[in-house]
Amino acid sequence: MGTATPQPCSTPPQSKLAAWGEACTFGDLDIVRLLAGVGSDVTAADNQQQTPLHLASQEGHAAVARLLLAREPMRRRPD
């Protein structure tokens, strides 16, 4: 028997947003750290234009919101 060659995991964008949505809505700091740590987009918006930060803030998860703010790329303010 041969050894299978590992293939890159291809996760559909909706699944990534669902993971962010669940983690941020329920305040799961460990999952949020995991998603941010593997390079998942912390600024991704769902079909209602809500980002993970919106979801965490709406539910009152301050620790999650702080982590997301620390990971969010700095945006240049318009002059």
PDB file of N, CA and C in Angstrom:
ATOM      1  N   MET A   1       0.835  -1.184   0.000  1.00  0.00           N
ATOM      2  CA  MET A   1       0.000   0.000   0.000  1.00  0.00           C
ATOM      3  C   MET A   1       0.874   1.239   0.000  1.00  0.00           C
ATOM      4  N   GLY A   2       0.503   2.215  -0.799  1.00  0.00           N
ATOM      5  CA  GLY A   2       1.241   3.470  -0.872  1.00  0.00           C
ATOM      6  C   GLY A   2       0.763   4.454   0.174  1.00  0.00           C
ATOM      7  N   THR A   3       1.570   5.450   0.380  1.00  0.00           N
ATOM      8  CA  THR A   3       1.208   6.504   1.322  1.00  0.00           C
ATOM      9  C   THR A   3       0.510   7.623   0.558  1.00  0.00           C
ATOM     10  N   ALA A   4      -0.598   8.051   1.077  1.00  0.00           N
ATOM     11  CA  ALA A   4      -1.357   9.122   0.436  1.00  0.00           C
ATOM     12  C   ALA A   4      -0.641  10.456   0.636  1.00  0.00           C
ATOM     13  N   THR A   5      -0.638  11.254  -0.392  1.00  0.00           N
ATOM     14  CA  THR A   5      -0.064  12.590  -0.306  1.00  0.00           C
ATOM     15  C   THR A   5      -1.098  13.535   0.285  1.00  0.00           C
ATOM     16  N   PRO A   6      -0.723  14.254   1.366  1.00  0.00           N
ATOM     17  CA  PRO A   6      -1.692  15.185   1.953  1.00  0.00           C
ATOM     18  C   PRO A   6      -2.062  16.284   0.963  1.00  0.00           C
ATOM     19  N   GLN A   7      -3.317  16.615   0.938  1.00  0.00           N
ATOM     20  CA  GLN A   7      -3.823  17.663   0.058  1.00  0.00           C
ATOM     21  C   GLN A   7      -4.227  18.872   0.902  1.00  0.00           C
ATOM     22  N   PRO A   8      -4.061  20.074   0.363  1.00  0.00           N
ATOM     23  CA  PRO A   8      -4.493  21.254   1.119  1.00  0.00           C
ATOM     24  C   PRO A   8      -5.996  21.217   1.352  1.00  0.00           C
ATOM     25  N   CYS A   9      -6.387  21.690   2.497  1.00  0.00           N
ATOM     26  CA  CYS A   9      -7.802  21.743   2.844  1.00  0.00           C
ATOM     27  C   CYS A   9      -8.428  22.957   2.171  1.00  0.00           C
ATOM     28  N   SER A  10      -9.499  22.734   1.464  1.00  0.00           N
ATOM     29  CA  SER A  10     -10.192  23.824   0.794  1.00  0.00           C
ATOM     30  C   SER A  10     -11.547  24.006   1.459  1.00  0.00           C
ATOM     31  N   THR A  11     -11.633  25.008   2.318  1.00  0.00           N
ATOM     32  CA  THR A  11     -12.875  25.273   3.033  1.00  0.00           C
ATOM     33  C   THR A  11     -13.652  26.357   2.308  1.00  0.00           C
ATOM     34  N   PRO A  12     -14.915  26.097   1.993  1.00  0.00           N
ATOM     35  CA  PRO A  12     -15.721  27.121   1.319  1.00  0.00           C
ATOM     36  C   PRO A  12     -15.827  28.383   2.173  1.00  0.00           C
ATOM     37  N   PRO A  13     -15.863  29.557   1.539  1.00  0.00           N
ATOM     38  CA  PRO A  13     -15.952  30.809   2.295  1.00  0.00           C
ATOM     39  C   PRO A  13     -17.113  30.855   3.284  1.00  0.00           C
ATOM     40  N   GLN A  14     -18.262  30.279   2.909  1.00  0.00           N
ATOM     41  CA  GLN A  14     -19.408  30.294   3.823  1.00  0.00           C
ATOM     42  C   GLN A  14     -19.085  29.560   5.114  1.00  0.00           C
ATOM     43  N   SER A  15     -18.303  28.486   5.035  1.00  0.00           N
ATOM     44  CA  SER A  15     -17.948  27.722   6.220  1.00  0.00           C
ATOM     45  C   SER A  15     -17.053  28.534   7.145  1.00  0.00           C
ATOM     46  N   LYS A  16     -16.120  29.301   6.550  1.00  0.00           N
ATOM     47  CA  LYS A  16     -15.251  30.141   7.364  1.00  0.00           C
ATOM     48  C   LYS A  16     -16.067  31.208   8.080  1.00  0.00           C
ATOM     49  N   LEU A  17     -17.017  31.802   7.369  1.00  0.00           N
ATOM     50  CA  LEU A  17     -17.869  32.813   7.998  1.00  0.00           C
ATOM     51  C   LEU A  17     -18.737  32.189   9.082  1.00  0.00           C
ATOM     52  N   ALA A  18     -19.195  30.982   8.860  1.00  0.00           N
ATOM     53  CA  ALA A  18     -20.012  30.299   9.868  1.00  0.00           C
ATOM     54  C   ALA A  18     -19.194  30.048  11.127  1.00  0.00           C
ATOM     55  N   ALA A  19     -17.940  29.665  10.957  1.00  0.00           N
ATOM     56  CA  ALA A  19     -17.074  29.425  12.118  1.00  0.00           C
ATOM     57  C   ALA A  19     -16.864  30.719  12.898  1.00  0.00           C
ATOM     58  N   TRP A  20     -16.583  31.817  12.183  1.00  0.00           N
ATOM     59  CA  TRP A  20     -16.437  33.110  12.847  1.00  0.00           C
ATOM     60  C   TRP A  20     -17.736  33.488  13.558  1.00  0.00           C
ATOM     61  N   GLY A  21     -18.849  33.311  12.858  1.00  0.00           N
ATOM     62  CA  GLY A  21     -20.146  33.683  13.434  1.00  0.00           C
ATOM     63  C   GLY A  21     -20.442  32.947  14.724  1.00  0.00           C
ATOM     64  N   GLU A  22     -20.243  31.657  14.720  1.00  0.00           N
ATOM     65  CA  GLU A  22     -20.499  30.862  15.929  1.00  0.00           C
ATOM     66  C   GLU A  22     -19.571  31.272  17.066  1.00  0.00           C
ATOM     67  N   ALA A  23     -18.285  31.368  16.766  1.00  0.00           N
ATOM     68  CA  ALA A  23     -17.305  31.685  17.806  1.00  0.00           C
ATOM     69  C   ALA A  23     -17.554  33.057  18.418  1.00  0.00           C
ATOM     70  N   CYS A  24     -17.848  34.034  17.582  1.00  0.00           N
ATOM     71  CA  CYS A  24     -18.037  35.396  18.082  1.00  0.00           C
ATOM     72  C   CYS A  24     -19.384  35.596  18.748  1.00  0.00           C
ATOM     73  N   THR A  25     -20.414  34.969  18.224  1.00  0.00           N
ATOM     74  CA  THR A  25     -21.745  35.081  18.826  1.00  0.00           C
ATOM     75  C   THR A  25     -21.771  34.462  20.220  1.00  0.00           C
ATOM     76  N   PHE A  26     -21.077  33.336  20.391  1.00  0.00           N
ATOM     77  CA  PHE A  26     -21.088  32.646  21.675  1.00  0.00           C
ATOM     78  C   PHE A  26     -19.894  33.005  22.552  1.00  0.00           C
ATOM     79  N   GLY A  27     -19.012  33.871  22.063  1.00  0.00           N
ATOM     80  CA  GLY A  27     -17.892  34.335  22.882  1.00  0.00           C
ATOM     81  C   GLY A  27     -16.826  33.289  23.130  1.00  0.00           C
ATOM     82  N   ASP A  28     -16.617  32.401  22.178  1.00  0.00           N
ATOM     83  CA  ASP A  28     -15.629  31.334  22.341  1.00  0.00           C
ATOM     84  C   ASP A  28     -14.233  31.856  21.987  1.00  0.00           C
ATOM     85  N   LEU A  29     -13.552  32.380  22.984  1.00  0.00           N
ATOM     86  CA  LEU A  29     -12.257  33.014  22.797  1.00  0.00           C
ATOM     87  C   LEU A  29     -11.214  32.042  22.226  1.00  0.00           C
ATOM     88  N   ASP A  30     -11.256  30.788  22.647  1.00  0.00           N
ATOM     89  CA  ASP A  30     -10.291  29.805  22.134  1.00  0.00           C
ATOM     90  C   ASP A  30     -10.446  29.597  20.629  1.00  0.00           C
ATOM     91  N   ILE A  31     -11.676  29.489  20.159  1.00  0.00           N
ATOM     92  CA  ILE A  31     -11.909  29.294  18.724  1.00  0.00           C
ATOM     93  C   ILE A  31     -11.550  30.562  17.956  1.00  0.00           C
ATOM     94  N   VAL A  32     -11.858  31.725  18.511  1.00  0.00           N
ATOM     95  CA  VAL A  32     -11.492  32.982  17.861  1.00  0.00           C
ATOM     96  C   VAL A  32      -9.973  33.069  17.726  1.00  0.00           C
ATOM     97  N   ARG A  33      -9.248  32.707  18.786  1.00  0.00           N
ATOM     98  CA  ARG A  33      -7.775  32.698  18.717  1.00  0.00           C
ATOM     99  C   ARG A  33      -7.296  31.731  17.641  1.00  0.00           C
ATOM    100  N   LEU A  34      -7.916  30.567  17.587  1.00  0.00           N
ATOM    101  CA  LEU A  34      -7.539  29.560  16.588  1.00  0.00           C
ATOM    102  C   LEU A  34      -7.764  30.092  15.175  1.00  0.00           C
ATOM    103  N   LEU A  35      -8.935  30.635  14.913  1.00  0.00           N
ATOM    104  CA  LEU A  35      -9.244  31.160  13.580  1.00  0.00           C
ATOM    105  C   LEU A  35      -8.300  32.290  13.191  1.00  0.00           C
ATOM    106  N   ALA A  36      -8.056  33.205  14.123  1.00  0.00           N
ATOM    107  CA  ALA A  36      -7.146  34.314  13.835  1.00  0.00           C
ATOM    108  C   ALA A  36      -5.719  33.798  13.655  1.00  0.00           C
ATOM    109  N   GLY A  37      -5.341  32.796  14.426  1.00  0.00           N
ATOM    110  CA  GLY A  37      -3.996  32.258  14.366  1.00  0.00           C
ATOM    111  C   GLY A  37      -3.660  31.542  13.076  1.00  0.00           C
ATOM    112  N   VAL A  38      -4.672  30.991  12.419  1.00  0.00           N
ATOM    113  CA  VAL A  38      -4.422  30.291  11.154  1.00  0.00           C
ATOM    114  C   VAL A  38      -4.610  31.221   9.958  1.00  0.00           C
ATOM    115  N   GLY A  39      -4.796  32.497  10.245  1.00  0.00           N
ATOM    116  CA  GLY A  39      -4.870  33.472   9.165  1.00  0.00           C
ATOM    117  C   GLY A  39      -6.234  33.697   8.564  1.00  0.00           C
ATOM    118  N   SER A  40      -7.277  33.228   9.227  1.00  0.00           N
ATOM    119  CA  SER A  40      -8.625  33.478   8.732  1.00  0.00           C
ATOM    120  C   SER A  40      -8.908  34.978   8.826  1.00  0.00           C
ATOM    121  N   ASP A  41      -9.610  35.514   7.862  1.00  0.00           N
ATOM    122  CA  ASP A  41      -9.839  36.954   7.737  1.00  0.00           C
ATOM    123  C   ASP A  41     -10.752  37.480   8.842  1.00  0.00           C
ATOM    124  N   VAL A  42     -10.180  38.274   9.760  1.00  0.00           N
ATOM    125  CA  VAL A  42     -10.971  38.820  10.862  1.00  0.00           C
ATOM    126  C   VAL A  42     -11.914  39.927  10.408  1.00  0.00           C
ATOM    127  N   THR A  43     -11.752  40.387   9.174  1.00  0.00           N
ATOM    128  CA  THR A  43     -12.618  41.456   8.675  1.00  0.00           C
ATOM    129  C   THR A  43     -13.682  40.942   7.703  1.00  0.00           C
ATOM    130  N   ALA A  44     -13.761  39.633   7.539  1.00  0.00           N
ATOM    131  CA  ALA A  44     -14.751  39.049   6.623  1.00  0.00           C
ATOM    132  C   ALA A  44     -16.161  39.412   7.080  1.00  0.00           C
ATOM    133  N   ALA A  45     -17.007  39.750   6.130  1.00  0.00           N
ATOM    134  CA  ALA A  45     -18.389  40.124   6.448  1.00  0.00           C
ATOM    135  C   ALA A  45     -19.351  39.079   5.900  1.00  0.00           C
ATOM    136  N   ASP A  46     -20.438  38.872   6.640  1.00  0.00           N
ATOM    137  CA  ASP A  46     -21.461  37.927   6.187  1.00  0.00           C
ATOM    138  C   ASP A  46     -22.399  38.618   5.201  1.00  0.00           C
ATOM    139  N   ASN A  47     -23.477  37.943   4.843  1.00  0.00           N
ATOM    140  CA  ASN A  47     -24.401  38.510   3.845  1.00  0.00           C
ATOM    141  C   ASN A  47     -25.167  39.727   4.364  1.00  0.00           C
ATOM    142  N   GLN A  48     -25.075  39.994   5.661  1.00  0.00           N
ATOM    143  CA  GLN A  48     -25.688  41.197   6.233  1.00  0.00           C
ATOM    144  C   GLN A  48     -24.629  42.252   6.544  1.00  0.00           C
ATOM    145  N   GLN A  49     -23.419  42.045   6.003  1.00  0.00           N
ATOM    146  CA  GLN A  49     -22.281  42.958   6.174  1.00  0.00           C
ATOM    147  C   GLN A  49     -21.824  43.088   7.625  1.00  0.00           C
ATOM    148  N   GLN A  50     -22.030  42.028   8.403  1.00  0.00           N
ATOM    149  CA  GLN A  50     -21.564  42.019   9.781  1.00  0.00           C
ATOM    150  C   GLN A  50     -20.250  41.252   9.863  1.00  0.00           C
ATOM    151  N   THR A  51     -19.287  41.843  10.527  1.00  0.00           N
ATOM    152  CA  THR A  51     -17.979  41.220  10.704  1.00  0.00           C
ATOM    153  C   THR A  51     -17.961  40.467  12.036  1.00  0.00           C
ATOM    154  N   PRO A  52     -16.931  39.670  12.270  1.00  0.00           N
ATOM    155  CA  PRO A  52     -16.810  39.020  13.584  1.00  0.00           C
ATOM    156  C   PRO A  52     -16.845  40.035  14.735  1.00  0.00           C
ATOM    157  N   LEU A  53     -16.239  41.196  14.533  1.00  0.00           N
ATOM    158  CA  LEU A  53     -16.258  42.223  15.582  1.00  0.00           C
ATOM    159  C   LEU A  53     -17.679  42.702  15.869  1.00  0.00           C
ATOM    160  N   HIS A  54     -18.481  42.891  14.837  1.00  0.00           N
ATOM    161  CA  HIS A  54     -19.882  43.278  15.044  1.00  0.00           C
ATOM    162  C   HIS A  54     -20.601  42.236  15.908  1.00  0.00           C
ATOM    163  N   LEU A  55     -20.427  40.970  15.536  1.00  0.00           N
ATOM    164  CA  LEU A  55     -21.130  39.896  16.246  1.00  0.00           C
ATOM    165  C   LEU A  55     -20.712  39.812  17.703  1.00  0.00           C
ATOM    166  N   ALA A  56     -19.419  39.872  17.966  1.00  0.00           N
ATOM    167  CA  ALA A  56     -18.935  39.803  19.344  1.00  0.00           C
ATOM    168  C   ALA A  56     -19.432  40.991  20.156  1.00  0.00           C
ATOM    169  N   SER A  57     -19.400  42.164  19.558  1.00  0.00           N
ATOM    170  CA  SER A  57     -19.835  43.379  20.257  1.00  0.00           C
ATOM    171  C   SER A  57     -21.324  43.344  20.575  1.00  0.00           C
ATOM    172  N   GLN A  58     -22.121  42.905  19.614  1.00  0.00           N
ATOM    173  CA  GLN A  58     -23.567  42.835  19.823  1.00  0.00           C
ATOM    174  C   GLN A  58     -23.939  41.915  20.982  1.00  0.00           C
ATOM    175  N   GLU A  59     -23.142  40.879  21.179  1.00  0.00           N
ATOM    176  CA  GLU A  59     -23.436  39.911  22.238  1.00  0.00           C
ATOM    177  C   GLU A  59     -22.717  40.237  23.549  1.00  0.00           C
ATOM    178  N   GLY A  60     -21.942  41.319  23.562  1.00  0.00           N
ATOM    179  CA  GLY A  60     -21.280  41.738  24.793  1.00  0.00           C
ATOM    180  C   GLY A  60     -20.027  40.955  25.157  1.00  0.00           C
ATOM    181  N   HIS A  61     -19.375  40.372  24.169  1.00  0.00           N
ATOM    182  CA  HIS A  61     -18.168  39.578  24.428  1.00  0.00           C
ATOM    183  C   HIS A  61     -16.930  40.462  24.272  1.00  0.00           C
ATOM    184  N   ALA A  62     -16.631  41.213  25.332  1.00  0.00           N
ATOM    185  CA  ALA A  62     -15.556  42.212  25.297  1.00  0.00           C
ATOM    186  C   ALA A  62     -14.187  41.590  25.026  1.00  0.00           C
ATOM    187  N   ALA A  63     -13.890  40.443  25.618  1.00  0.00           N
ATOM    188  CA  ALA A  63     -12.579  39.816  25.419  1.00  0.00           C
ATOM    189  C   ALA A  63     -12.390  39.419  23.960  1.00  0.00           C
ATOM    190  N   VAL A  64     -13.434  38.899  23.348  1.00  0.00           N
ATOM    191  CA  VAL A  64     -13.375  38.530  21.930  1.00  0.00           C
ATOM    192  C   VAL A  64     -13.207  39.792  21.087  1.00  0.00           C
ATOM    193  N   ALA A  65     -13.948  40.830  21.397  1.00  0.00           N
ATOM    194  CA  ALA A  65     -13.853  42.090  20.645  1.00  0.00           C
ATOM    195  C   ALA A  65     -12.445  42.670  20.739  1.00  0.00           C
ATOM    196  N   ARG A  66     -11.858  42.641  21.933  1.00  0.00           N
ATOM    197  CA  ARG A  66     -10.493  43.160  22.095  1.00  0.00           C
ATOM    198  C   ARG A  66      -9.503  42.367  21.251  1.00  0.00           C
ATOM    199  N   LEU A  67      -9.637  41.047  21.250  1.00  0.00           N
ATOM    200  CA  LEU A  67      -8.734  40.228  20.450  1.00  0.00           C
ATOM    201  C   LEU A  67      -8.887  40.549  18.968  1.00  0.00           C
ATOM    202  N   LEU A  68     -10.109  40.684  18.510  1.00  0.00           N
ATOM    203  CA  LEU A  68     -10.352  41.001  17.098  1.00  0.00           C
ATOM    204  C   LEU A  68      -9.788  42.371  16.728  1.00  0.00           C
ATOM    205  N   LEU A  69      -9.954  43.341  17.612  1.00  0.00           N
ATOM    206  CA  LEU A  69      -9.404  44.669  17.347  1.00  0.00           C
ATOM    207  C   LEU A  69      -7.881  44.626  17.258  1.00  0.00           C
ATOM    208  N   ALA A  70      -7.272  43.802  18.072  1.00  0.00           N
ATOM    209  CA  ALA A  70      -5.813  43.678  18.043  1.00  0.00           C
ATOM    210  C   ALA A  70      -5.339  43.019  16.754  1.00  0.00           C
ATOM    211  N   ARG A  71      -6.163  42.157  16.160  1.00  0.00           N
ATOM    212  CA  ARG A  71      -5.791  41.440  14.943  1.00  0.00           C
ATOM    213  C   ARG A  71      -6.221  42.151  13.668  1.00  0.00           C
ATOM    214  N   GLU A  72      -7.149  43.085  13.791  1.00  0.00           N
ATOM    215  CA  GLU A  72      -7.683  43.763  12.608  1.00  0.00           C
ATOM    216  C   GLU A  72      -6.621  44.679  12.007  1.00  0.00           C
ATOM    217  N   PRO A  73      -6.441  44.615  10.706  1.00  0.00           N
ATOM    218  CA  PRO A  73      -5.446  45.500  10.089  1.00  0.00           C
ATOM    219  C   PRO A  73      -5.820  46.965  10.288  1.00  0.00           C
ATOM    220  N   MET A  74      -4.824  47.776  10.490  1.00  0.00           N
ATOM    221  CA  MET A  74      -5.062  49.215  10.665  1.00  0.00           C
ATOM    222  C   MET A  74      -5.554  49.793   9.346  1.00  0.00           C
ATOM    223  N   ARG A  75      -6.579  50.595   9.436  1.00  0.00           N
ATOM    224  CA  ARG A  75      -7.115  51.248   8.250  1.00  0.00           C
ATOM    225  C   ARG A  75      -6.647  52.689   8.240  1.00  0.00           C
ATOM    226  N   ARG A  76      -6.274  53.148   7.098  1.00  0.00           N
ATOM    227  CA  ARG A  76      -5.827  54.535   6.968  1.00  0.00           C
ATOM    228  C   ARG A  76      -7.045  55.438   6.970  1.00  0.00           C
ATOM    229  N   ARG A  77      -7.025  56.419   7.831  1.00  0.00           N
ATOM    230  CA  ARG A  77      -8.120  57.394   7.877  1.00  0.00           C
ATOM    231  C   ARG A  77      -8.015  58.304   6.672  1.00  0.00           C
ATOM    232  N   PRO A  78      -9.151  58.646   6.073  1.00  0.00           N
ATOM    233  CA  PRO A  78      -9.107  59.600   4.949  1.00  0.00           C
ATOM    234  C   PRO A  78      -8.643  60.958   5.432  1.00  0.00           C
ATOM    235  N   ASP A  79      -7.908  61.646   4.593  1.00  0.00           N
ATOM    236  CA  ASP A  79      -7.410  62.995   4.933  1.00  0.00           C
ATOM    237  C   ASP A  79      -8.517  64.012   4.867  1.00  0.00           C
TER     238      ASP A  79
END
